[in-house]
Amino acid sequence: IYPNPAKNQVSIESAQAGVDNIKIVDLQG
């Protein structure tokens, strides 16, 4: 994940395996 810390955008890099869903969860779950 970059940049991390992020502001308005974030890039997710997964070169090894296919992704089907992205979820972001807060500290309360």
Full PDB file with SEQRES, HELIX, SHEET, SSBOND, CRYST1, ORIGX, SCALE, CONECT and MASTER records, all heavy atoms in Angstrom:
SEQRES   1 A   29  ILE TYR PRO ASN PRO ALA LYS ASN GLN VAL SER ILE GLU          
SEQRES   2 A   29  SER ALA GLN ALA GLY VAL ASP ASN ILE LYS ILE VAL ASP          
SEQRES   3 A   29  LEU GLN GLY                                                  
CRYST1    1.000    1.000    1.000  90.00  90.00  90.00 P 1           1          
ORIGX1      1.000000  0.000000  0.000000        0.00000                         
ORIGX2      0.000000  1.000000  0.000000        0.00000                         
ORIGX3      0.000000  0.000000  1.000000        0.00000                         
SCALE1      1.000000  0.000000  0.000000        0.00000                         
SCALE2      0.000000  1.000000  0.000000        0.00000                         
SCALE3      0.000000  0.000000  1.000000        0.00000                         
ATOM      1  N   ILE A   1       0.872  -1.173   0.000  1.00  0.00           N  
ATOM      2  CA  ILE A   1       0.000   0.000   0.000  1.00  0.00           C  
ATOM      3  C   ILE A   1       0.910   1.224   0.000  1.00  0.00           C  
ATOM      4  O   ILE A   1       1.786   1.332   0.854  1.00  0.00           O  
ATOM      5  CB  ILE A   1      -0.895   0.053   1.249  1.00  0.00           C  
ATOM      6  CG1 ILE A   1      -1.728  -1.191   1.392  1.00  0.00           C  
ATOM      7  CG2 ILE A   1      -1.770   1.293   1.226  1.00  0.00           C  
ATOM      8  CD1 ILE A   1      -2.500  -1.241   2.689  1.00  0.00           C  
ATOM      9  N   TYR A   2       0.697   2.113  -0.950  1.00  0.00           N  
ATOM     10  CA  TYR A   2       1.493   3.333  -0.971  1.00  0.00           C  
ATOM     11  C   TYR A   2       0.681   4.463  -1.588  1.00  0.00           C  
ATOM     12  O   TYR A   2      -0.189   4.201  -2.406  1.00  0.00           O  
ATOM     13  CB  TYR A   2       2.813   3.109  -1.724  1.00  0.00           C  
ATOM     14  CG  TYR A   2       2.655   2.642  -3.143  1.00  0.00           C  
ATOM     15  CD1 TYR A   2       2.574   3.565  -4.194  1.00  0.00           C  
ATOM     16  CD2 TYR A   2       2.571   1.286  -3.450  1.00  0.00           C  
ATOM     17  CE1 TYR A   2       2.420   3.142  -5.498  1.00  0.00           C  
ATOM     18  CE2 TYR A   2       2.420   0.846  -4.755  1.00  0.00           C  
ATOM     19  CZ  TYR A   2       2.346   1.786  -5.774  1.00  0.00           C  
ATOM     20  OH  TYR A   2       2.193   1.368  -7.070  1.00  0.00           O  
ATOM     21  N   PRO A   3       0.904   5.707  -1.167  1.00  0.00           N  
ATOM     22  CA  PRO A   3       1.725   6.056  -0.005  1.00  0.00           C  
ATOM     23  C   PRO A   3       1.015   5.647   1.286  1.00  0.00           C  
ATOM     24  O   PRO A   3      -0.204   5.519   1.313  1.00  0.00           O  
ATOM     25  CB  PRO A   3       1.832   7.573  -0.102  1.00  0.00           C  
ATOM     26  CG  PRO A   3       0.576   8.005  -0.807  1.00  0.00           C  
ATOM     27  CD  PRO A   3       0.260   6.881  -1.765  1.00  0.00           C  
ATOM     28  N   ASN A   4       1.768   5.458   2.304  1.00  0.00           N  
ATOM     29  CA  ASN A   4       1.218   5.093   3.607  1.00  0.00           C  
ATOM     30  C   ASN A   4       2.100   5.739   4.659  1.00  0.00           C  
ATOM     31  O   ASN A   4       3.202   5.255   4.870  1.00  0.00           O  
ATOM     32  CB  ASN A   4       1.181   3.583   3.777  1.00  0.00           C  
ATOM     33  CG  ASN A   4       0.316   3.136   4.937  1.00  0.00           C  
ATOM     34  OD1 ASN A   4      -0.327   3.957   5.577  1.00  0.00           O  
ATOM     35  ND2 ASN A   4       0.307   1.850   5.204  1.00  0.00           N  
ATOM     36  N   PRO A   5       1.678   6.830   5.263  1.00  0.00           N  
ATOM     37  CA  PRO A   5       0.364   7.439   5.347  1.00  0.00           C  
ATOM     38  C   PRO A   5      -0.108   8.008   4.004  1.00  0.00           C  
ATOM     39  O   PRO A   5       0.673   8.438   3.176  1.00  0.00           O  
ATOM     40  CB  PRO A   5       0.528   8.556   6.364  1.00  0.00           C  
ATOM     41  CG  PRO A   5       1.820   8.288   7.076  1.00  0.00           C  
ATOM     42  CD  PRO A   5       2.653   7.487   6.164  1.00  0.00           C  
ATOM     43  N   ALA A   6      -1.434   8.014   3.836  1.00  0.00           N  
ATOM     44  CA  ALA A   6      -2.067   8.467   2.604  1.00  0.00           C  
ATOM     45  C   ALA A   6      -2.972   9.655   2.902  1.00  0.00           C  
ATOM     46  O   ALA A   6      -3.299   9.923   4.054  1.00  0.00           O  
ATOM     47  CB  ALA A   6      -2.877   7.333   1.984  1.00  0.00           C  
ATOM     48  N   LYS A   7      -3.395  10.344   1.819  1.00  0.00           N  
ATOM     49  CA  LYS A   7      -4.335  11.460   1.970  1.00  0.00           C  
ATOM     50  C   LYS A   7      -5.590  11.193   1.149  1.00  0.00           C  
ATOM     51  O   LYS A   7      -6.578  10.728   1.683  1.00  0.00           O  
ATOM     52  CB  LYS A   7      -3.686  12.773   1.574  1.00  0.00           C  
ATOM     53  CG  LYS A   7      -2.607  13.197   2.544  1.00  0.00           C  
ATOM     54  CD  LYS A   7      -2.087  14.566   2.249  1.00  0.00           C  
ATOM     55  CE  LYS A   7      -0.969  14.860   3.239  1.00  0.00           C  
ATOM     56  NZ  LYS A   7      -0.746  16.226   3.473  1.00  0.00           N  
ATOM     57  N   ASN A   8      -5.547  11.469  -0.140  1.00  0.00           N  
ATOM     58  CA  ASN A   8      -6.734  11.351  -0.983  1.00  0.00           C  
ATOM     59  C   ASN A   8      -6.757  10.105  -1.846  1.00  0.00           C  
ATOM     60  O   ASN A   8      -7.809   9.738  -2.357  1.00  0.00           O  
ATOM     61  CB  ASN A   8      -6.857  12.589  -1.885  1.00  0.00           C  
ATOM     62  CG  ASN A   8      -6.947  13.866  -1.086  1.00  0.00           C  
ATOM     63  OD1 ASN A   8      -7.578  13.887  -0.036  1.00  0.00           O  
ATOM     64  ND2 ASN A   8      -6.315  14.920  -1.548  1.00  0.00           N  
ATOM     65  N   GLN A   9      -5.600   9.508  -2.072  1.00  0.00           N  
ATOM     66  CA  GLN A   9      -5.509   8.329  -2.920  1.00  0.00           C  
ATOM     67  C   GLN A   9      -4.549   7.336  -2.306  1.00  0.00           C  
ATOM     68  O   GLN A   9      -3.632   7.695  -1.572  1.00  0.00           O  
ATOM     69  CB  GLN A   9      -4.955   8.688  -4.309  1.00  0.00           C  
ATOM     70  CG  GLN A   9      -5.951   9.121  -5.303  1.00  0.00           C  
ATOM     71  CD  GLN A   9      -5.308   9.242  -6.693  1.00  0.00           C  
ATOM     72  OE1 GLN A   9      -4.112   9.367  -6.827  1.00  0.00           O  
ATOM     73  NE2 GLN A   9      -6.142   9.198  -7.706  1.00  0.00           N  
ATOM     74  N   VAL A  10      -4.754   6.073  -2.650  1.00  0.00           N  
ATOM     75  CA  VAL A  10      -3.837   5.034  -2.234  1.00  0.00           C  
ATOM     76  C   VAL A  10      -3.738   4.026  -3.370  1.00  0.00           C  
ATOM     77  O   VAL A  10      -4.716   3.781  -4.093  1.00  0.00           O  
ATOM     78  CB  VAL A  10      -4.296   4.371  -0.908  1.00  0.00           C  
ATOM     79  CG1 VAL A  10      -5.569   3.596  -1.076  1.00  0.00           C  
ATOM     80  CG2 VAL A  10      -3.214   3.502  -0.325  1.00  0.00           C  
ATOM     81  N   SER A  11      -2.555   3.476  -3.564  1.00  0.00           N  
ATOM     82  CA  SER A  11      -2.356   2.428  -4.559  1.00  0.00           C  
ATOM     83  C   SER A  11      -2.111   1.121  -3.844  1.00  0.00           C  
ATOM     84  O   SER A  11      -1.383   1.062  -2.843  1.00  0.00           O  
ATOM     85  CB  SER A  11      -1.165   2.757  -5.461  1.00  0.00           C  
ATOM     86  OG  SER A  11      -1.451   3.883  -6.259  1.00  0.00           O  
ATOM     87  N   ILE A  12      -2.738   0.071  -4.350  1.00  0.00           N  
ATOM     88  CA  ILE A  12      -2.586  -1.267  -3.793  1.00  0.00           C  
ATOM     89  C   ILE A  12      -1.893  -2.109  -4.846  1.00  0.00           C  
ATOM     90  O   ILE A  12      -2.346  -2.174  -5.984  1.00  0.00           O  
ATOM     91  CB  ILE A  12      -3.948  -1.868  -3.409  1.00  0.00           C  
ATOM     92  CG1 ILE A  12      -4.607  -1.001  -2.338  1.00  0.00           C  
ATOM     93  CG2 ILE A  12      -3.794  -3.308  -2.955  1.00  0.00           C  
ATOM     94  CD1 ILE A  12      -6.029  -1.361  -2.029  1.00  0.00           C  
ATOM     95  N   GLU A  13      -0.796  -2.746  -4.456  1.00  0.00           N  
ATOM     96  CA  GLU A  13      -0.030  -3.545  -5.397  1.00  0.00           C  
ATOM     97  C   GLU A  13      -0.044  -5.003  -4.965  1.00  0.00           C  
ATOM     98  O   GLU A  13       0.373  -5.346  -3.874  1.00  0.00           O  
ATOM     99  CB  GLU A  13       1.415  -3.055  -5.478  1.00  0.00           C  
ATOM    100  CG  GLU A  13       2.225  -3.796  -6.511  1.00  0.00           C  
ATOM    101  CD  GLU A  13       3.615  -3.243  -6.656  1.00  0.00           C  
ATOM    102  OE1 GLU A  13       3.815  -2.051  -6.372  1.00  0.00           O  
ATOM    103  OE2 GLU A  13       4.495  -4.000  -7.052  1.00  0.00           O  
ATOM    104  N   SER A  14      -0.570  -5.838  -5.850  1.00  0.00           N  
ATOM    105  CA  SER A  14      -0.630  -7.270  -5.609  1.00  0.00           C  
ATOM    106  C   SER A  14      -0.108  -7.978  -6.849  1.00  0.00           C  
ATOM    107  O   SER A  14      -0.860  -8.265  -7.768  1.00  0.00           O  
ATOM    108  CB  SER A  14      -2.067  -7.707  -5.325  1.00  0.00           C  
ATOM    109  OG  SER A  14      -2.142  -9.116  -5.368  1.00  0.00           O  
ATOM    110  N   ALA A  15       1.168  -8.232  -6.868  1.00  0.00           N  
ATOM    111  CA  ALA A  15       1.778  -8.848  -8.046  1.00  0.00           C  
ATOM    112  C   ALA A  15       1.684 -10.365  -8.011  1.00  0.00           C  
ATOM    113  O   ALA A  15       1.838 -11.019  -9.032  1.00  0.00           O  
ATOM    114  CB  ALA A  15       3.237  -8.415  -8.153  1.00  0.00           C  
ATOM    115  N   GLN A  16       1.421 -10.951  -6.848  1.00  0.00           N  
ATOM    116  CA  GLN A  16       1.485 -12.404  -6.706  1.00  0.00           C  
ATOM    117  C   GLN A  16       0.169 -13.121  -6.960  1.00  0.00           C  
ATOM    118  O   GLN A  16       0.167 -14.248  -7.422  1.00  0.00           O  
ATOM    119  CB  GLN A  16       1.974 -12.770  -5.300  1.00  0.00           C  
ATOM    120  CG  GLN A  16       3.397 -12.331  -5.034  1.00  0.00           C  
ATOM    121  CD  GLN A  16       3.793 -12.647  -3.618  1.00  0.00           C  
ATOM    122  OE1 GLN A  16       3.039 -12.401  -2.690  1.00  0.00           O  
ATOM    123  NE2 GLN A  16       4.977 -13.207  -3.454  1.00  0.00           N  
ATOM    124  N   ALA A  17      -0.953 -12.494  -6.613  1.00  0.00           N  
ATOM    125  CA  ALA A  17      -2.233 -13.201  -6.696  1.00  0.00           C  
ATOM    126  C   ALA A  17      -3.343 -12.237  -7.099  1.00  0.00           C  
ATOM    127  O   ALA A  17      -3.257 -11.038  -6.841  1.00  0.00           O  
ATOM    128  CB  ALA A  17      -2.573 -13.852  -5.358  1.00  0.00           C  
ATOM    129  N   GLY A  18      -4.381 -12.781  -7.723  1.00  0.00           N  
ATOM    130  CA  GLY A  18      -5.505 -11.969  -8.160  1.00  0.00           C  
ATOM    131  C   GLY A  18      -6.363 -11.505  -7.006  1.00  0.00           C  
ATOM    132  O   GLY A  18      -6.622 -12.241  -6.070  1.00  0.00           O  
ATOM    133  N   VAL A  19      -6.811 -10.264  -7.088  1.00  0.00           N  
ATOM    134  CA  VAL A  19      -7.681  -9.661  -6.085  1.00  0.00           C  
ATOM    135  C   VAL A  19      -9.086  -9.593  -6.661  1.00  0.00           C  
ATOM    136  O   VAL A  19      -9.274  -9.285  -7.835  1.00  0.00           O  
ATOM    137  CB  VAL A  19      -7.188  -8.241  -5.733  1.00  0.00           C  
ATOM    138  CG1 VAL A  19      -8.167  -7.535  -4.803  1.00  0.00           C  
ATOM    139  CG2 VAL A  19      -5.800  -8.294  -5.131  1.00  0.00           C  
ATOM    140  N   ASP A  20     -10.091  -9.888  -5.836  1.00  0.00           N  
ATOM    141  CA  ASP A  20     -11.494  -9.772  -6.234  1.00  0.00           C  
ATOM    142  C   ASP A  20     -12.212  -8.656  -5.499  1.00  0.00           C  
ATOM    143  O   ASP A  20     -13.181  -8.109  -5.999  1.00  0.00           O  
ATOM    144  CB  ASP A  20     -12.241 -11.086  -5.995  1.00  0.00           C  
ATOM    145  CG  ASP A  20     -11.781 -12.189  -6.917  1.00  0.00           C  
ATOM    146  OD1 ASP A  20     -11.425 -11.896  -8.075  1.00  0.00           O  
ATOM    147  OD2 ASP A  20     -11.766 -13.352  -6.485  1.00  0.00           O  
ATOM    148  N   ASN A  21     -11.774  -8.348  -4.261  1.00  0.00           N  
ATOM    149  CA  ASN A  21     -12.472  -7.350  -3.464  1.00  0.00           C  
ATOM    150  C   ASN A  21     -11.480  -6.611  -2.581  1.00  0.00           C  
ATOM    151  O   ASN A  21     -10.551  -7.217  -2.051  1.00  0.00           O  
ATOM    152  CB  ASN A  21     -13.548  -8.017  -2.600  1.00  0.00           C  
ATOM    153  CG  ASN A  21     -14.332  -7.012  -1.771  1.00  0.00           C  
ATOM    154  OD1 ASN A  21     -13.944  -6.703  -0.654  1.00  0.00           O  
ATOM    155  ND2 ASN A  21     -15.407  -6.487  -2.319  1.00  0.00           N  
ATOM    156  N   ILE A  22     -11.709  -5.303  -2.429  1.00  0.00           N  
ATOM    157  CA  ILE A  22     -10.919  -4.459  -1.533  1.00  0.00           C  
ATOM    158  C   ILE A  22     -11.862  -3.966  -0.444  1.00  0.00           C  
ATOM    159  O   ILE A  22     -12.928  -3.433  -0.748  1.00  0.00           O  
ATOM    160  CB  ILE A  22     -10.346  -3.237  -2.273  1.00  0.00           C  
ATOM    161  CG1 ILE A  22      -9.492  -3.661  -3.455  1.00  0.00           C  
ATOM    162  CG2 ILE A  22      -9.573  -2.339  -1.308  1.00  0.00           C  
ATOM    163  CD1 ILE A  22      -9.154  -2.513  -4.405  1.00  0.00           C  
ATOM    164  N   LYS A  23     -11.474  -4.150   0.817  1.00  0.00           N  
ATOM    165  CA  LYS A  23     -12.249  -3.623   1.945  1.00  0.00           C  
ATOM    166  C   LYS A  23     -11.313  -2.825   2.830  1.00  0.00           C  
ATOM    167  O   LYS A  23     -10.184  -3.227   3.071  1.00  0.00           O  
ATOM    168  CB  LYS A  23     -12.853  -4.756   2.768  1.00  0.00           C  
ATOM    169  CG  LYS A  23     -14.129  -5.301   2.228  1.00  0.00           C  
ATOM    170  CD  LYS A  23     -14.816  -6.173   3.269  1.00  0.00           C  
ATOM    171  CE  LYS A  23     -16.155  -6.612   2.781  1.00  0.00           C  
ATOM    172  NZ  LYS A  23     -16.177  -7.756   1.952  1.00  0.00           N  
ATOM    173  N   ILE A  24     -11.812  -1.691   3.313  1.00  0.00           N  
ATOM    174  CA  ILE A  24     -11.099  -0.916   4.319  1.00  0.00           C  
ATOM    175  C   ILE A  24     -11.996  -0.871   5.551  1.00  0.00           C  
ATOM    176  O   ILE A  24     -13.180  -0.539   5.457  1.00  0.00           O  
ATOM    177  CB  ILE A  24     -10.761   0.500   3.815  1.00  0.00           C  
ATOM    178  CG1 ILE A  24      -9.882   0.410   2.558  1.00  0.00           C  
ATOM    179  CG2 ILE A  24     -10.055   1.293   4.919  1.00  0.00           C  
ATOM    180  CD1 ILE A  24      -9.536   1.753   1.929  1.00  0.00           C  
ATOM    181  N   VAL A  25     -11.409  -1.231   6.689  1.00  0.00           N  
ATOM    182  CA  VAL A  25     -12.153  -1.384   7.936  1.00  0.00           C  
ATOM    183  C   VAL A  25     -11.565  -0.437   8.973  1.00  0.00           C  
ATOM    184  O   VAL A  25     -10.339  -0.325   9.091  1.00  0.00           O  
ATOM    185  CB  VAL A  25     -12.053  -2.849   8.435  1.00  0.00           C  
ATOM    186  CG1 VAL A  25     -12.807  -3.045   9.729  1.00  0.00           C  
ATOM    187  CG2 VAL A  25     -12.544  -3.811   7.366  1.00  0.00           C  
ATOM    188  N   ASP A  26     -12.439   0.248   9.728  1.00  0.00           N  
ATOM    189  CA  ASP A  26     -11.934   1.143  10.774  1.00  0.00           C  
ATOM    190  C   ASP A  26     -11.620   0.349  12.039  1.00  0.00           C  
ATOM    191  O   ASP A  26     -11.808  -0.874  12.092  1.00  0.00           O  
ATOM    192  CB  ASP A  26     -12.896   2.301  11.033  1.00  0.00           C  
ATOM    193  CG  ASP A  26     -14.218   1.889  11.676  1.00  0.00           C  
ATOM    194  OD1 ASP A  26     -14.355   0.743  12.141  1.00  0.00           O  
ATOM    195  OD2 ASP A  26     -15.134   2.741  11.708  1.00  0.00           O  
ATOM    196  N   LEU A  27     -11.136   1.032  13.063  1.00  0.00           N  
ATOM    197  CA  LEU A  27     -10.718   0.352  14.292  1.00  0.00           C  
ATOM    198  C   LEU A  27     -11.884  -0.252  15.076  1.00  0.00           C  
ATOM    199  O   LEU A  27     -11.675  -1.089  15.944  1.00  0.00           O  
ATOM    200  CB  LEU A  27      -9.926   1.308  15.189  1.00  0.00           C  
ATOM    201  CG  LEU A  27      -8.545   1.707  14.652  1.00  0.00           C  
ATOM    202  CD1 LEU A  27      -7.888   2.722  15.575  1.00  0.00           C  
ATOM    203  CD2 LEU A  27      -7.660   0.481  14.492  1.00  0.00           C  
ATOM    204  N   GLN A  28     -13.114   0.155  14.769  1.00  0.00           N  
ATOM    205  CA  GLN A  28     -14.287  -0.441  15.417  1.00  0.00           C  
ATOM    206  C   GLN A  28     -14.804  -1.651  14.632  1.00  0.00           C  
ATOM    207  O   GLN A  28     -15.814  -2.236  14.994  1.00  0.00           O  
ATOM    208  CB  GLN A  28     -15.408   0.594  15.568  1.00  0.00           C  
ATOM    209  CG  GLN A  28     -15.170   1.596  16.682  1.00  0.00           C  
ATOM    210  CD  GLN A  28     -14.128   2.636  16.316  1.00  0.00           C  
ATOM    211  OE1 GLN A  28     -14.118   3.154  15.209  1.00  0.00           O  
ATOM    212  NE2 GLN A  28     -13.238   2.935  17.245  1.00  0.00           N  
ATOM    213  N   GLY A  29     -14.125  -1.999  13.555  1.00  0.00           N  
ATOM    214  CA  GLY A  29     -14.536  -3.151  12.758  1.00  0.00           C  
ATOM    215  C   GLY A  29     -15.581  -2.843  11.705  1.00  0.00           C  
ATOM    216  O   GLY A  29     -16.101  -3.745  11.065  1.00  0.00           O  
TER     217      GLY A  29                                                      
MASTER        0    0    0    0    0    0    0    6  216    1    0    3          
END                                                                             
